[in-house]
Amino acid sequence: MQTKPATNMVAMVQSQLVIVDMQVQLALVMSADEFKNIVKNCGILAQASQLLAVPIIVTEHYPQSFGATLPEIKRLLPNNQAIAKMAFSACGEPKFNQQLQRENSQIVLTGMEAHICVLQTALDLLQAGKQVFVVEDAILSRKPANKANALARLRDAGCIVTNTESVVFEWLGNAKHESAKAIFNLIK
């Protein structure tokens, strides 16, 4: 008998991973140490999502100016495709909305910048009735104060703020899963 997960847990069968604007030119203005960790955590989430068949959507904000998705993220994507957007919220792009799967009510949100595109996307997803999990160690802003402000606003709006390992292990569910060993290796 399969039990319904608690509303504050992310479920593999109910979620989609969204990676917002992890782009080459944006990377240049981020703190190098923090950025390295964000790329690592986005990579863990992308790989885990593929192992566990969690759909992924990747966006690029105005790629003509901000460049393509980082190669280290792009190579982990099933089709190497990203959705170009001009709106700060990914929900402002019809192609993004078309890829949102109606049966997947939970969105796991990562990317840059926390206080602009991640924030506006999260707020629009909440408005659309989605449950939004913002992965605190997989989002970034140029200024730490902007990220902190975004996280406070996101919590106040009803997002669940979580971390990479919590998401991955909630997706996995238990150590008996056929992908458990591969997931454990990602976290090492």
Foldseek 3Di string as FASTA:
>chain_A
DDDDDDPLAAALVQEAEEAEAQFDQQCVLADVVLNVQLLLLLLLVLQLCVVLVHHYAYEHEPCVPRNDHDPSNLVSHPVSDYHYDPALEPVVDVVSVVPDDPSRQEYEYAYDDLLTSRLVNLLVSVVVRGAYEYALSNHHYSDPVSNVVSVVVSVVSHHHYHHRVSNSCSHQVDCVRPCNVVSVVSVD
